[in-house]
N, C-alpha and C. Protein backbone atom coordinates (compact mmCIF):
# COMPACT_ATOMS: atom_id res chain seq x y z
N MET A 1 6.44 3.88 1.98
CA MET A 1 6.27 5.33 1.78
C MET A 1 5.29 5.83 2.87
N GLU A 2 5.72 6.88 3.56
CA GLU A 2 4.89 7.46 4.68
C GLU A 2 3.75 8.30 4.07
N SER A 3 2.50 8.20 4.60
CA SER A 3 1.47 9.02 4.16
C SER A 3 1.38 10.33 4.99
N LYS A 4 1.28 11.41 4.38
CA LYS A 4 1.15 12.70 5.04
C LYS A 4 -0.32 12.77 5.53
N PRO A 5 -0.59 13.58 6.55
CA PRO A 5 -1.95 13.75 7.05
C PRO A 5 -2.93 14.13 6.01
N GLU A 6 -2.59 15.07 5.11
CA GLU A 6 -3.55 15.51 4.14
C GLU A 6 -3.89 14.44 3.09
N GLU A 7 -2.89 13.47 2.94
CA GLU A 7 -3.18 12.38 2.02
C GLU A 7 -4.07 11.35 2.72
N LEU A 8 -3.90 11.11 4.02
CA LEU A 8 -4.80 10.18 4.62
C LEU A 8 -6.17 10.68 4.78
N LYS A 9 -6.26 12.02 4.93
CA LYS A 9 -7.63 12.58 5.13
C LYS A 9 -8.59 12.15 4.05
N SER A 10 -8.14 12.02 2.80
CA SER A 10 -8.98 11.73 1.70
C SER A 10 -9.49 10.26 1.86
N THR A 11 -8.80 9.43 2.59
CA THR A 11 -9.25 8.01 2.81
C THR A 11 -10.39 7.86 3.74
N THR A 12 -10.68 8.88 4.53
CA THR A 12 -11.78 8.85 5.50
C THR A 12 -13.01 9.57 4.90
N ASP A 13 -12.94 9.96 3.62
CA ASP A 13 -14.06 10.70 3.01
C ASP A 13 -15.14 9.64 2.54
N ALA A 14 -16.33 9.86 2.99
CA ALA A 14 -17.41 8.82 2.64
C ALA A 14 -17.68 8.75 1.17
N LYS A 15 -17.10 9.63 0.37
CA LYS A 15 -17.28 9.54 -1.09
C LYS A 15 -16.28 8.63 -1.81
N THR A 16 -15.34 8.04 -1.01
CA THR A 16 -14.34 7.22 -1.66
C THR A 16 -14.69 5.75 -1.67
N PHE A 17 -14.14 5.00 -0.76
CA PHE A 17 -14.33 3.52 -0.88
C PHE A 17 -14.64 2.97 0.51
N GLU A 18 -15.50 1.99 0.65
CA GLU A 18 -16.00 1.54 1.90
C GLU A 18 -14.97 1.16 2.91
N PRO A 19 -13.84 0.51 2.67
CA PRO A 19 -12.86 0.28 3.70
C PRO A 19 -12.40 1.50 4.44
N TRP A 20 -12.30 2.55 3.71
CA TRP A 20 -11.86 3.82 4.34
C TRP A 20 -12.86 4.36 5.39
N LEU A 21 -14.14 4.03 5.30
CA LEU A 21 -15.08 4.36 6.29
C LEU A 21 -14.74 3.57 7.58
N ASP A 22 -14.42 2.33 7.40
CA ASP A 22 -14.09 1.47 8.56
C ASP A 22 -12.71 1.89 9.07
N LEU A 23 -11.79 2.39 8.22
CA LEU A 23 -10.47 2.84 8.74
C LEU A 23 -10.72 4.10 9.59
N ALA A 24 -11.62 5.01 9.24
CA ALA A 24 -11.90 6.21 10.04
C ALA A 24 -12.42 5.70 11.46
N LYS A 25 -13.29 4.72 11.45
CA LYS A 25 -13.88 4.22 12.66
C LYS A 25 -12.76 3.59 13.55
N ALA A 26 -11.88 2.87 12.84
CA ALA A 26 -10.77 2.20 13.67
C ALA A 26 -9.84 3.28 14.22
N LEU A 27 -9.51 4.24 13.47
CA LEU A 27 -8.65 5.33 13.99
C LEU A 27 -9.24 5.99 15.19
N ASP A 28 -10.54 6.20 15.20
CA ASP A 28 -11.27 6.75 16.26
C ASP A 28 -11.18 5.85 17.48
N GLU A 29 -11.45 4.58 17.28
CA GLU A 29 -11.37 3.61 18.34
C GLU A 29 -10.05 3.54 19.02
N LEU A 30 -8.99 3.65 18.25
CA LEU A 30 -7.61 3.54 18.74
C LEU A 30 -6.99 4.88 19.11
N LYS A 31 -7.89 5.96 18.99
CA LYS A 31 -7.49 7.32 19.31
C LYS A 31 -6.16 7.67 18.55
N ILE A 32 -6.18 7.40 17.24
CA ILE A 32 -5.10 7.83 16.37
C ILE A 32 -5.61 9.09 15.62
N ASP A 33 -4.81 10.14 15.66
CA ASP A 33 -5.12 11.43 15.14
C ASP A 33 -4.29 11.56 13.83
N TYR A 34 -4.83 11.39 12.71
CA TYR A 34 -4.11 11.47 11.48
C TYR A 34 -3.68 12.86 11.14
N LYS A 35 -4.26 13.83 11.88
CA LYS A 35 -3.83 15.24 11.66
C LYS A 35 -2.67 15.70 12.46
N ALA A 36 -2.27 14.85 13.44
CA ALA A 36 -1.22 15.17 14.35
C ALA A 36 0.12 15.28 13.62
N ASP A 37 0.97 16.13 14.16
CA ASP A 37 2.29 16.34 13.44
C ASP A 37 3.18 15.09 13.45
N ASP A 38 3.00 14.26 14.58
CA ASP A 38 3.83 13.08 14.64
C ASP A 38 3.16 11.85 14.08
N PHE A 39 2.08 12.03 13.32
CA PHE A 39 1.38 10.87 12.71
C PHE A 39 2.28 10.23 11.56
N SER A 40 2.29 8.89 11.58
CA SER A 40 2.96 8.22 10.57
C SER A 40 2.18 6.94 10.18
N GLU A 41 2.22 6.54 8.96
CA GLU A 41 1.55 5.33 8.49
C GLU A 41 2.15 4.09 9.20
N ARG A 42 3.43 4.10 9.41
CA ARG A 42 4.11 2.99 10.09
C ARG A 42 3.56 2.76 11.51
N ASP A 43 3.42 3.88 12.25
CA ASP A 43 2.82 3.74 13.64
C ASP A 43 1.42 3.29 13.57
N MET A 44 0.65 3.78 12.59
CA MET A 44 -0.75 3.41 12.46
C MET A 44 -0.94 1.93 12.25
N ILE A 45 -0.14 1.38 11.30
CA ILE A 45 -0.21 -0.05 11.02
C ILE A 45 0.19 -0.88 12.20
N HIS A 46 1.29 -0.37 12.98
CA HIS A 46 1.72 -1.10 14.12
C HIS A 46 0.53 -1.18 15.17
N LYS A 47 -0.11 -0.11 15.40
CA LYS A 47 -1.22 -0.10 16.32
C LYS A 47 -2.34 -1.00 15.93
N LEU A 48 -2.62 -0.95 14.59
CA LEU A 48 -3.68 -1.85 14.03
C LEU A 48 -3.32 -3.35 14.22
N THR A 49 -2.05 -3.62 14.04
CA THR A 49 -1.52 -5.00 14.16
C THR A 49 -1.60 -5.45 15.60
N GLU A 50 -1.22 -4.59 16.57
CA GLU A 50 -1.31 -4.90 17.96
C GLU A 50 -2.75 -5.18 18.35
N LYS A 51 -3.64 -4.35 17.85
CA LYS A 51 -5.09 -4.55 18.18
C LYS A 51 -5.60 -5.87 17.61
N SER A 52 -5.13 -6.28 16.41
CA SER A 52 -5.58 -7.52 15.77
C SER A 52 -5.26 -8.76 16.54
N ILE A 53 -4.18 -8.66 17.40
CA ILE A 53 -3.73 -9.85 18.15
C ILE A 53 -4.07 -9.65 19.60
N GLU A 54 -4.79 -8.72 19.96
CA GLU A 54 -5.14 -8.44 21.35
C GLU A 54 -5.87 -9.67 22.00
N PRO A 55 -5.40 -10.15 23.15
CA PRO A 55 -6.01 -11.35 23.75
C PRO A 55 -7.42 -11.07 24.06
N GLY A 56 -8.34 -12.05 23.82
CA GLY A 56 -9.72 -11.93 24.12
C GLY A 56 -10.56 -11.17 23.09
N LEU A 57 -9.95 -10.66 22.06
CA LEU A 57 -10.66 -9.93 21.03
C LEU A 57 -11.42 -11.02 20.15
N HIS A 58 -12.67 -10.70 19.88
CA HIS A 58 -13.49 -11.62 19.09
C HIS A 58 -12.91 -11.84 17.70
N PHE A 59 -12.91 -13.06 17.15
CA PHE A 59 -12.25 -13.30 15.94
C PHE A 59 -12.81 -12.53 14.79
N TRP A 60 -14.05 -12.12 14.83
CA TRP A 60 -14.61 -11.17 13.79
C TRP A 60 -13.85 -9.89 13.89
N GLU A 61 -13.63 -9.38 15.04
CA GLU A 61 -12.91 -8.10 15.18
C GLU A 61 -11.44 -8.29 14.76
N GLN A 62 -10.89 -9.44 15.06
CA GLN A 62 -9.51 -9.69 14.74
C GLN A 62 -9.38 -9.64 13.20
N ASN A 63 -10.32 -10.30 12.53
CA ASN A 63 -10.35 -10.34 11.05
C ASN A 63 -10.57 -8.95 10.49
N ARG A 64 -11.38 -8.18 11.14
CA ARG A 64 -11.69 -6.85 10.73
C ARG A 64 -10.37 -6.02 10.67
N TYR A 65 -9.61 -6.07 11.76
CA TYR A 65 -8.31 -5.31 11.74
C TYR A 65 -7.33 -5.91 10.80
N LYS A 66 -7.31 -7.21 10.64
CA LYS A 66 -6.31 -7.74 9.72
C LYS A 66 -6.70 -7.38 8.29
N ASP A 67 -8.02 -7.29 7.98
CA ASP A 67 -8.46 -6.91 6.63
C ASP A 67 -7.99 -5.42 6.37
N LEU A 68 -8.13 -4.55 7.36
CA LEU A 68 -7.67 -3.18 7.26
C LEU A 68 -6.19 -3.09 6.99
N ILE A 69 -5.41 -3.86 7.67
CA ILE A 69 -3.99 -3.95 7.49
C ILE A 69 -3.61 -4.36 6.04
N SER A 70 -4.40 -5.42 5.60
CA SER A 70 -4.20 -5.85 4.26
C SER A 70 -4.47 -4.79 3.17
N VAL A 71 -5.56 -4.08 3.40
CA VAL A 71 -5.95 -3.01 2.49
C VAL A 71 -4.85 -1.90 2.49
N LEU A 72 -4.30 -1.62 3.60
CA LEU A 72 -3.31 -0.49 3.68
C LEU A 72 -1.91 -0.95 3.20
N ALA A 73 -1.65 -2.26 2.99
CA ALA A 73 -0.41 -2.67 2.55
C ALA A 73 -0.22 -2.45 1.09
N ALA A 74 1.05 -2.38 0.67
CA ALA A 74 1.35 -2.27 -0.78
C ALA A 74 1.14 -3.53 -1.44
N HIS A 75 0.51 -3.49 -2.65
CA HIS A 75 0.19 -4.72 -3.39
C HIS A 75 0.70 -4.57 -4.80
N ARG A 76 1.68 -5.37 -5.09
CA ARG A 76 2.33 -5.18 -6.36
C ARG A 76 1.38 -5.29 -7.62
N PHE A 77 0.38 -6.20 -7.46
CA PHE A 77 -0.48 -6.33 -8.58
C PHE A 77 -1.54 -5.24 -8.63
N TRP A 78 -2.21 -4.98 -7.53
CA TRP A 78 -3.33 -4.02 -7.49
C TRP A 78 -2.85 -2.54 -7.77
N GLU A 79 -1.59 -2.24 -7.36
CA GLU A 79 -1.14 -0.95 -7.61
C GLU A 79 -0.74 -0.68 -9.04
N SER A 80 -0.81 -1.71 -9.90
CA SER A 80 -0.60 -1.57 -11.33
C SER A 80 -1.94 -1.50 -12.10
N GLU A 81 -3.06 -1.68 -11.29
CA GLU A 81 -4.37 -1.68 -11.95
C GLU A 81 -5.10 -0.37 -11.83
N PRO A 82 -6.06 -0.07 -12.66
CA PRO A 82 -6.78 1.21 -12.67
C PRO A 82 -7.86 1.23 -11.62
N ILE A 83 -7.50 1.13 -10.32
CA ILE A 83 -8.48 1.21 -9.27
C ILE A 83 -8.10 2.32 -8.28
N MET A 84 -9.03 2.70 -7.38
CA MET A 84 -8.74 3.74 -6.40
C MET A 84 -7.88 3.18 -5.27
N LEU A 85 -6.74 3.80 -5.03
CA LEU A 85 -5.87 3.51 -3.91
C LEU A 85 -5.67 4.70 -3.04
N TYR A 86 -5.57 4.48 -1.77
CA TYR A 86 -5.52 5.63 -0.83
C TYR A 86 -4.18 6.42 -1.01
N ARG A 87 -3.15 5.77 -1.52
CA ARG A 87 -1.90 6.39 -1.76
C ARG A 87 -1.85 7.35 -2.98
N HIS A 88 -2.85 7.15 -3.85
CA HIS A 88 -2.78 7.86 -5.12
C HIS A 88 -4.04 8.83 -5.23
N LYS A 89 -3.79 9.98 -5.82
CA LYS A 89 -4.89 10.97 -6.07
C LYS A 89 -5.40 10.57 -7.48
N MET A 90 -6.71 10.61 -7.61
CA MET A 90 -7.37 10.34 -8.88
C MET A 90 -7.08 11.50 -9.84
N LYS A 91 -6.49 11.20 -10.98
CA LYS A 91 -6.16 12.20 -12.00
C LYS A 91 -7.15 12.27 -13.07
N LYS A 92 -7.79 11.11 -13.36
CA LYS A 92 -8.67 11.09 -14.45
C LYS A 92 -9.83 10.08 -14.18
N GLU A 93 -11.09 10.35 -14.56
CA GLU A 93 -12.16 9.47 -14.26
C GLU A 93 -12.87 9.11 -15.60
N GLY A 94 -13.60 8.02 -15.58
CA GLY A 94 -14.30 7.59 -16.76
C GLY A 94 -14.17 6.09 -17.01
N GLU A 95 -14.77 5.60 -18.04
CA GLU A 95 -14.67 4.16 -18.44
C GLU A 95 -13.19 3.82 -18.69
N ILE A 96 -12.79 2.66 -18.19
CA ILE A 96 -11.45 2.10 -18.48
C ILE A 96 -11.35 1.84 -19.94
N ARG A 97 -12.33 1.22 -20.55
CA ARG A 97 -12.43 0.89 -21.93
C ARG A 97 -13.92 0.91 -22.37
N GLN A 98 -14.18 1.64 -23.33
CA GLN A 98 -15.52 1.73 -23.83
C GLN A 98 -15.80 0.55 -24.79
N ILE A 99 -16.96 -0.17 -24.48
CA ILE A 99 -17.30 -1.29 -25.28
C ILE A 99 -18.70 -1.10 -25.93
N LYS A 100 -18.75 -1.27 -27.23
CA LYS A 100 -20.04 -1.07 -27.92
C LYS A 100 -20.84 -2.40 -27.75
N PRO A 101 -22.12 -2.31 -27.76
CA PRO A 101 -22.88 -3.53 -27.73
C PRO A 101 -22.64 -4.47 -28.81
N THR A 102 -22.27 -3.98 -29.99
CA THR A 102 -21.89 -4.87 -31.15
C THR A 102 -20.59 -5.59 -30.96
N ASP A 103 -19.79 -5.16 -29.95
CA ASP A 103 -18.49 -5.76 -29.65
C ASP A 103 -18.66 -6.95 -28.76
N VAL A 104 -19.83 -7.08 -28.10
CA VAL A 104 -19.97 -8.20 -27.14
C VAL A 104 -20.29 -9.40 -27.84
N PRO A 105 -19.57 -10.54 -27.55
CA PRO A 105 -19.81 -11.80 -28.23
C PRO A 105 -21.22 -12.33 -28.00
N GLN A 106 -21.84 -12.88 -28.97
CA GLN A 106 -23.25 -13.43 -28.81
C GLN A 106 -23.21 -14.80 -28.30
N GLU A 107 -22.05 -15.50 -28.36
CA GLU A 107 -21.91 -16.79 -27.82
C GLU A 107 -20.96 -16.80 -26.55
N PRO A 108 -21.26 -17.59 -25.52
CA PRO A 108 -20.44 -17.61 -24.32
C PRO A 108 -19.04 -18.12 -24.67
N LEU A 109 -18.12 -17.63 -23.95
CA LEU A 109 -16.67 -18.10 -24.12
C LEU A 109 -16.58 -19.58 -23.84
N PRO A 110 -15.79 -20.30 -24.59
CA PRO A 110 -15.66 -21.72 -24.38
C PRO A 110 -15.03 -22.04 -23.00
N LEU A 111 -15.44 -23.12 -22.38
CA LEU A 111 -14.92 -23.58 -21.10
C LEU A 111 -14.00 -24.76 -21.33
N PRO A 112 -13.08 -25.05 -20.41
CA PRO A 112 -12.23 -26.19 -20.50
C PRO A 112 -13.08 -27.49 -20.65
N PRO A 113 -12.51 -28.53 -21.31
CA PRO A 113 -13.20 -29.81 -21.46
C PRO A 113 -13.70 -30.29 -20.13
N GLY A 114 -14.93 -30.74 -20.08
CA GLY A 114 -15.54 -31.32 -18.85
C GLY A 114 -16.43 -30.33 -18.16
N PHE A 115 -16.52 -29.10 -18.64
CA PHE A 115 -17.40 -28.06 -18.02
C PHE A 115 -18.36 -27.51 -19.07
N GLU A 116 -19.48 -27.08 -18.60
CA GLU A 116 -20.43 -26.43 -19.55
C GLU A 116 -21.25 -25.31 -18.81
N TRP A 117 -21.59 -24.26 -19.57
CA TRP A 117 -22.45 -23.20 -19.04
C TRP A 117 -23.88 -23.65 -18.91
N SER A 118 -24.55 -23.07 -17.89
CA SER A 118 -26.01 -23.40 -17.77
C SER A 118 -26.67 -22.24 -17.02
N GLU A 119 -27.80 -21.78 -17.55
CA GLU A 119 -28.62 -20.88 -16.70
C GLU A 119 -29.40 -21.62 -15.65
N PHE A 120 -29.87 -20.96 -14.63
CA PHE A 120 -30.69 -21.61 -13.68
C PHE A 120 -32.07 -20.96 -13.58
N ASP A 121 -33.08 -21.79 -13.28
CA ASP A 121 -34.43 -21.36 -13.21
C ASP A 121 -34.77 -21.03 -11.72
N ILE A 122 -34.87 -19.80 -11.40
CA ILE A 122 -35.13 -19.41 -10.00
C ILE A 122 -36.48 -19.83 -9.50
N THR A 123 -37.45 -20.18 -10.41
CA THR A 123 -38.75 -20.66 -9.99
C THR A 123 -38.80 -22.16 -9.76
N ASN A 124 -37.72 -22.91 -10.15
CA ASN A 124 -37.76 -24.33 -9.99
C ASN A 124 -37.19 -24.76 -8.63
N ASP A 125 -38.11 -25.27 -7.83
CA ASP A 125 -37.75 -25.65 -6.47
C ASP A 125 -36.55 -26.63 -6.43
N GLU A 126 -36.55 -27.59 -7.22
CA GLU A 126 -35.49 -28.63 -7.20
C GLU A 126 -34.14 -28.01 -7.53
N GLU A 127 -34.10 -27.12 -8.54
CA GLU A 127 -32.80 -26.53 -8.89
C GLU A 127 -32.37 -25.53 -7.83
N VAL A 128 -33.29 -24.80 -7.23
CA VAL A 128 -32.91 -23.82 -6.21
C VAL A 128 -32.41 -24.53 -4.96
N GLU A 129 -33.07 -25.65 -4.55
CA GLU A 129 -32.48 -26.46 -3.44
C GLU A 129 -31.13 -26.97 -3.71
N GLU A 130 -30.84 -27.43 -5.01
CA GLU A 130 -29.52 -27.81 -5.39
C GLU A 130 -28.55 -26.71 -5.20
N ILE A 131 -28.83 -25.52 -5.64
CA ILE A 131 -28.00 -24.37 -5.49
C ILE A 131 -27.72 -23.98 -4.04
N CYS A 132 -28.82 -24.03 -3.23
CA CYS A 132 -28.60 -23.72 -1.75
C CYS A 132 -27.64 -24.70 -1.16
N LYS A 133 -27.74 -25.96 -1.51
CA LYS A 133 -26.85 -26.99 -0.98
C LYS A 133 -25.39 -26.71 -1.44
N PHE A 134 -25.26 -26.29 -2.68
CA PHE A 134 -23.89 -25.98 -3.20
C PHE A 134 -23.32 -24.79 -2.42
N LEU A 135 -24.14 -23.78 -2.20
CA LEU A 135 -23.61 -22.59 -1.45
C LEU A 135 -23.20 -22.94 -0.04
N GLU A 136 -24.10 -23.83 0.58
CA GLU A 136 -23.78 -24.22 1.98
C GLU A 136 -22.38 -24.90 2.09
N GLU A 137 -22.11 -25.62 1.04
CA GLU A 137 -20.81 -26.44 1.05
C GLU A 137 -19.57 -25.72 0.55
N HIS A 138 -19.82 -24.64 -0.22
CA HIS A 138 -18.69 -23.99 -0.90
C HIS A 138 -18.63 -22.50 -0.81
N TYR A 139 -19.61 -21.87 -0.19
CA TYR A 139 -19.62 -20.42 -0.22
C TYR A 139 -18.87 -19.84 0.95
N VAL A 140 -19.39 -18.86 1.73
CA VAL A 140 -18.69 -18.13 2.72
C VAL A 140 -18.51 -18.96 3.99
N GLU A 141 -17.23 -18.94 4.48
CA GLU A 141 -16.89 -19.61 5.73
C GLU A 141 -15.67 -18.93 6.33
N ASP A 142 -15.61 -18.74 7.64
CA ASP A 142 -14.51 -18.10 8.24
C ASP A 142 -13.34 -18.99 8.36
N GLU A 143 -12.18 -18.48 8.71
CA GLU A 143 -10.94 -19.28 8.75
C GLU A 143 -10.97 -20.40 9.80
N LEU A 144 -11.72 -20.14 10.87
CA LEU A 144 -11.79 -21.10 11.93
C LEU A 144 -12.91 -22.09 11.79
N GLY A 145 -13.77 -21.93 10.77
CA GLY A 145 -14.81 -22.92 10.59
C GLY A 145 -16.01 -22.69 11.59
N ASN A 146 -16.05 -21.53 12.18
CA ASN A 146 -17.12 -21.27 13.21
C ASN A 146 -18.33 -20.59 12.53
N PHE A 147 -18.19 -20.08 11.30
CA PHE A 147 -19.25 -19.35 10.73
C PHE A 147 -19.41 -19.83 9.27
N ARG A 148 -20.62 -20.01 8.85
CA ARG A 148 -20.90 -20.43 7.52
C ARG A 148 -22.23 -19.81 7.02
N VAL A 149 -22.29 -19.31 5.82
CA VAL A 149 -23.55 -18.78 5.34
C VAL A 149 -24.46 -19.88 4.74
N ILE A 150 -25.62 -20.00 5.22
CA ILE A 150 -26.55 -21.01 4.79
C ILE A 150 -27.86 -20.35 4.28
N TYR A 151 -28.23 -20.59 3.02
CA TYR A 151 -29.38 -19.98 2.42
C TYR A 151 -30.50 -21.02 2.26
N LYS A 152 -31.66 -20.66 2.75
CA LYS A 152 -32.90 -21.38 2.41
C LYS A 152 -33.43 -20.94 1.06
N LYS A 153 -34.21 -21.74 0.40
CA LYS A 153 -34.58 -21.34 -0.93
C LYS A 153 -35.35 -20.11 -1.00
N GLU A 154 -36.19 -19.79 0.03
CA GLU A 154 -36.95 -18.55 0.07
C GLU A 154 -36.10 -17.32 0.13
N LYS A 155 -35.05 -17.42 0.98
CA LYS A 155 -34.11 -16.30 1.10
C LYS A 155 -33.33 -16.14 -0.17
N PHE A 156 -32.86 -17.25 -0.78
CA PHE A 156 -32.07 -17.17 -2.04
C PHE A 156 -32.93 -16.49 -3.11
N ARG A 157 -34.20 -16.91 -3.13
CA ARG A 157 -35.06 -16.31 -4.21
C ARG A 157 -35.23 -14.81 -3.94
N TRP A 158 -35.39 -14.42 -2.70
CA TRP A 158 -35.50 -13.01 -2.34
C TRP A 158 -34.30 -12.26 -2.79
N ALA A 159 -33.09 -12.85 -2.58
CA ALA A 159 -31.83 -12.19 -2.97
C ALA A 159 -31.68 -12.04 -4.43
N VAL A 160 -32.16 -13.05 -5.24
CA VAL A 160 -31.95 -13.16 -6.67
C VAL A 160 -33.05 -12.40 -7.44
N MET A 161 -34.27 -12.46 -6.93
CA MET A 161 -35.41 -11.87 -7.74
C MET A 161 -35.60 -10.45 -7.40
N CYS A 162 -34.56 -9.67 -7.56
CA CYS A 162 -34.71 -8.20 -7.33
C CYS A 162 -35.44 -7.60 -8.38
N PRO A 163 -35.99 -6.35 -8.18
CA PRO A 163 -36.77 -5.70 -9.25
C PRO A 163 -35.90 -5.51 -10.51
N GLY A 164 -36.44 -5.98 -11.62
CA GLY A 164 -35.71 -5.80 -12.89
C GLY A 164 -34.70 -6.91 -13.17
N TYR A 165 -34.72 -8.04 -12.39
CA TYR A 165 -33.72 -9.07 -12.54
C TYR A 165 -33.81 -9.71 -14.00
N LYS A 166 -32.76 -10.18 -14.44
CA LYS A 166 -32.58 -10.84 -15.75
C LYS A 166 -32.14 -12.23 -15.65
N VAL A 167 -32.93 -13.11 -16.21
CA VAL A 167 -32.55 -14.55 -16.16
C VAL A 167 -31.23 -14.85 -16.78
N GLU A 168 -30.91 -14.08 -17.81
CA GLU A 168 -29.64 -14.33 -18.59
C GLU A 168 -28.40 -13.99 -17.76
N LEU A 169 -28.59 -13.27 -16.60
CA LEU A 169 -27.49 -12.98 -15.74
C LEU A 169 -27.35 -14.00 -14.60
N HIS A 170 -28.17 -15.07 -14.58
CA HIS A 170 -28.03 -16.14 -13.57
C HIS A 170 -27.38 -17.32 -14.21
N THR A 171 -26.10 -17.52 -13.77
CA THR A 171 -25.18 -18.40 -14.48
C THR A 171 -24.66 -19.56 -13.60
N LEU A 172 -24.67 -20.78 -14.13
CA LEU A 172 -24.04 -21.89 -13.49
C LEU A 172 -22.95 -22.47 -14.36
N ILE A 173 -21.94 -23.12 -13.87
CA ILE A 173 -21.03 -23.96 -14.59
C ILE A 173 -21.25 -25.37 -14.01
N ARG A 174 -21.53 -26.30 -14.91
CA ARG A 174 -21.77 -27.68 -14.47
C ARG A 174 -20.79 -28.63 -15.07
N ASN A 175 -20.61 -29.78 -14.34
CA ASN A 175 -19.80 -30.89 -14.81
C ASN A 175 -20.52 -31.48 -15.98
N SER A 176 -19.83 -31.61 -17.13
CA SER A 176 -20.49 -32.09 -18.36
C SER A 176 -21.06 -33.54 -18.22
N LYS A 177 -20.34 -34.30 -17.42
CA LYS A 177 -20.77 -35.72 -17.27
C LYS A 177 -21.89 -35.92 -16.28
N ASN A 178 -21.68 -35.51 -15.02
CA ASN A 178 -22.71 -35.80 -14.01
C ASN A 178 -23.67 -34.68 -13.74
N LYS A 179 -23.38 -33.51 -14.43
CA LYS A 179 -24.27 -32.27 -14.35
C LYS A 179 -24.21 -31.61 -12.94
N LYS A 180 -23.27 -32.01 -12.10
CA LYS A 180 -23.14 -31.31 -10.77
C LYS A 180 -22.69 -29.87 -10.95
N ILE A 181 -23.15 -29.07 -10.01
CA ILE A 181 -22.71 -27.61 -10.06
C ILE A 181 -21.23 -27.50 -9.63
N MET A 182 -20.48 -26.78 -10.50
CA MET A 182 -19.14 -26.49 -10.24
C MET A 182 -18.85 -25.05 -9.99
N GLY A 183 -19.78 -24.20 -10.38
CA GLY A 183 -19.61 -22.73 -10.19
C GLY A 183 -20.95 -22.03 -10.36
N LEU A 184 -21.01 -20.90 -9.70
CA LEU A 184 -22.21 -20.10 -9.67
C LEU A 184 -21.88 -18.61 -9.69
N ALA A 185 -22.66 -17.81 -10.43
CA ALA A 185 -22.55 -16.36 -10.46
C ALA A 185 -23.87 -15.73 -10.74
N LYS A 186 -24.22 -14.65 -10.11
CA LYS A 186 -25.44 -13.94 -10.35
C LYS A 186 -25.16 -12.49 -10.64
N GLY A 187 -25.69 -12.00 -11.71
CA GLY A 187 -25.57 -10.57 -11.98
C GLY A 187 -26.92 -9.83 -11.76
N GLU A 188 -26.74 -8.64 -11.19
CA GLU A 188 -27.94 -7.83 -10.82
C GLU A 188 -27.86 -6.48 -11.48
N PRO A 189 -28.79 -6.09 -12.33
CA PRO A 189 -28.81 -4.75 -12.93
C PRO A 189 -28.98 -3.68 -11.84
N LYS A 190 -28.16 -2.63 -11.88
CA LYS A 190 -28.34 -1.55 -10.87
C LYS A 190 -27.96 -0.21 -11.54
N LYS A 191 -28.32 0.85 -10.83
CA LYS A 191 -27.87 2.14 -11.21
C LYS A 191 -26.94 2.62 -10.01
N ALA A 192 -25.76 3.09 -10.41
CA ALA A 192 -24.81 3.64 -9.44
C ALA A 192 -24.51 5.12 -9.72
N ILE A 193 -24.46 5.88 -8.64
CA ILE A 193 -24.04 7.24 -8.71
C ILE A 193 -22.57 7.45 -8.49
N ILE A 194 -21.83 7.78 -9.53
CA ILE A 194 -20.35 7.85 -9.42
C ILE A 194 -19.97 9.34 -9.71
N ASN A 195 -19.46 9.94 -8.67
CA ASN A 195 -19.10 11.35 -8.81
C ASN A 195 -20.21 12.16 -9.44
N GLY A 196 -21.41 11.97 -8.99
CA GLY A 196 -22.57 12.71 -9.44
C GLY A 196 -23.19 12.24 -10.72
N ARG A 197 -22.64 11.26 -11.37
CA ARG A 197 -23.20 10.71 -12.63
C ARG A 197 -23.94 9.40 -12.34
N THR A 198 -25.08 9.24 -12.96
CA THR A 198 -25.82 7.95 -12.82
C THR A 198 -25.41 7.00 -13.92
N VAL A 199 -24.95 5.81 -13.53
CA VAL A 199 -24.36 4.94 -14.48
C VAL A 199 -25.04 3.54 -14.32
N LYS A 200 -25.40 2.94 -15.39
CA LYS A 200 -25.98 1.63 -15.39
C LYS A 200 -24.83 0.57 -15.21
N VAL A 201 -24.99 -0.33 -14.25
CA VAL A 201 -23.97 -1.32 -13.97
C VAL A 201 -24.59 -2.65 -13.68
N VAL A 202 -23.84 -3.63 -13.64
CA VAL A 202 -24.20 -4.97 -13.23
C VAL A 202 -23.41 -5.37 -11.99
N GLU A 203 -24.03 -5.64 -10.93
CA GLU A 203 -23.36 -6.08 -9.63
C GLU A 203 -23.30 -7.57 -9.55
N GLY A 204 -22.13 -8.15 -9.41
CA GLY A 204 -21.94 -9.53 -9.30
C GLY A 204 -22.17 -10.02 -7.82
N ASN A 205 -22.79 -11.17 -7.67
CA ASN A 205 -23.04 -11.74 -6.36
C ASN A 205 -23.02 -13.24 -6.44
N PHE A 206 -22.90 -13.88 -5.21
CA PHE A 206 -22.86 -15.36 -5.16
C PHE A 206 -21.82 -15.94 -6.10
N LEU A 207 -20.64 -15.29 -6.09
CA LEU A 207 -19.48 -15.77 -6.84
C LEU A 207 -18.90 -16.94 -6.12
N CYS A 208 -19.13 -18.15 -6.58
CA CYS A 208 -18.74 -19.35 -5.84
C CYS A 208 -18.32 -20.45 -6.79
N VAL A 209 -17.18 -21.14 -6.39
CA VAL A 209 -16.76 -22.33 -7.17
C VAL A 209 -16.63 -23.49 -6.18
N HIS A 210 -16.64 -24.67 -6.80
CA HIS A 210 -16.64 -25.96 -6.00
C HIS A 210 -15.26 -25.97 -5.26
């Protein structure tokens, strides 16, 4: 489906979604005018694709353009979900499903046999070192293996011990037998402004599995 200029215009609005800010920057870099009469989504993606395979382009920039192409593509799953998509205009806003505090289970959901839930103590040097080693081996790495995120315990503490942090949002999954870390997730209480409304949210970070 071809996007009309007025439809694409909303994707470059800073009030929508972060990839669209990068799309606006990419269009400017490639001198693509989405307001032009001859603009078409097909030509735009073609130019982005050519740029992503340009000889000598740094692999970070290659991945940046590939990510934009992926975002712009049609996704059978995501287009059936209640999320913002640049092809669709938002017709209704609000909670997808309202959940009362009394509806939240007081016990954690059961894990498959061999795994168990565990909180982690951010003040415990030994446990933080263990987590940093787990992140080094299983967290962010680029496709070529040239880039990997490595956290020292001081930096990890700085990232986790944000103002108002809650220990119950620091979660590990461990192997039931040898107690090795199999998964990690950290929740961080925040306030987000969504279309002018201040909403309490929890931001997930350090989502990592073995």
